[in-house]
Protein backbone atom coordinates (compact mmCIF):
# COMPACT_ATOMS: atom_id res chain seq x y z
CA UNK A 1 7.07 110.99 109.60
CA UNK A 2 9.38 108.09 108.87
CA UNK A 3 13.16 108.09 109.29
CA UNK A 4 13.94 108.66 105.59
CA UNK A 5 11.62 111.70 105.42
CA UNK A 6 13.20 113.11 108.58
CA UNK A 7 16.71 112.56 107.19
CA UNK A 8 15.80 114.35 103.95
CA UNK A 9 14.25 117.29 105.80
CA UNK A 10 17.21 117.72 108.12
CA UNK A 11 19.68 117.46 105.24
CA UNK A 12 17.75 120.26 103.50
CA UNK A 13 17.88 122.38 106.68
CA UNK A 14 21.61 121.77 107.14
CA UNK A 15 22.23 122.68 103.49
CA UNK A 16 20.28 125.92 103.91
CA UNK A 17 21.90 126.93 107.22
CA UNK A 18 25.44 126.02 106.16
CA UNK A 19 25.05 127.28 102.57
CA UNK A 20 26.03 124.00 100.92
CA UNK A 21 24.45 121.82 98.26
CA UNK A 22 22.17 119.20 99.87
CA UNK A 23 23.39 116.59 97.37
CA UNK A 24 26.85 116.75 98.97
CA UNK A 25 25.49 115.81 102.41
CA UNK A 26 24.85 112.41 103.98
CA UNK A 27 24.16 110.95 107.40
CA UNK A 28 27.96 110.57 107.80
CA UNK A 29 28.71 114.25 107.09
CA UNK A 30 30.46 115.76 110.12
CA UNK A 31 29.70 119.25 111.33
CA UNK A 32 33.24 119.94 112.54
CA UNK A 33 35.33 118.56 109.68
CA UNK A 34 33.10 118.45 106.61
CA UNK A 35 31.04 121.57 107.25
CA UNK A 36 33.64 123.50 109.25
CA UNK A 37 30.67 124.45 111.40
CA UNK A 38 30.63 127.69 113.29
CA UNK A 39 28.49 127.68 116.42
CA UNK A 40 26.39 130.54 115.08
CA UNK A 41 25.31 128.31 112.18
CA UNK A 42 24.25 125.57 114.63
CA UNK A 43 22.09 128.14 116.45
CA UNK A 44 20.29 128.84 113.17
CA UNK A 45 19.92 125.14 112.45
CA UNK A 46 18.42 124.39 115.87
CA UNK A 47 15.99 127.27 115.41
CA UNK A 48 15.01 125.94 111.98
CA UNK A 49 14.43 122.44 113.41
CA UNK A 50 12.27 123.85 116.19
CA UNK A 51 10.19 125.93 113.75
CA UNK A 52 9.80 123.35 110.98
CA UNK A 53 9.56 120.09 112.92
CA UNK A 54 8.21 121.33 116.27
CA UNK A 55 10.98 119.42 118.07
CA UNK A 56 12.70 121.14 120.96
CA UNK A 57 16.43 120.36 120.83
CA UNK A 58 18.81 121.96 123.31
CA UNK A 59 21.60 123.82 121.54
CA UNK A 60 24.11 122.00 123.74
CA UNK A 61 22.73 118.62 122.61
CA UNK A 62 22.75 119.62 118.95
CA UNK A 63 26.28 120.99 119.20
CA UNK A 64 27.42 117.66 120.70
CA UNK A 65 26.32 115.82 117.54
CA UNK A 66 29.30 114.85 115.40
CA UNK A 67 27.37 113.94 112.27
CA UNK A 68 24.08 114.77 110.60
CA UNK A 69 22.98 111.23 111.48
CA UNK A 70 23.58 111.95 115.17
CA UNK A 71 21.43 115.05 114.87
CA UNK A 72 18.65 113.09 113.15
CA UNK A 73 18.74 110.62 116.07
CA UNK A 74 18.35 113.48 118.56
CA UNK A 75 15.46 115.01 116.65
CA UNK A 76 13.76 111.63 116.28
CA UNK A 77 13.91 111.19 120.08
CA UNK A 78 12.03 114.49 120.49
CA UNK A 79 9.28 113.81 117.95
């Protein structure tokens, strides 16, 4: 899977887990400020990533990501 495909898939997962429209998200979208992310939503997102992409990401590592782009970088390291 190339980077653009991975970005699109993760944006779709973030949109689903955070109940937002995927078209409003970008690699610069922040979890803390733009998505007002609760930790329970990040748990769901990490689970979704593990199930859909077969990439094991520690919740602590995912929670440390400031932007969706940071999360894509982490996932790409694991693939």
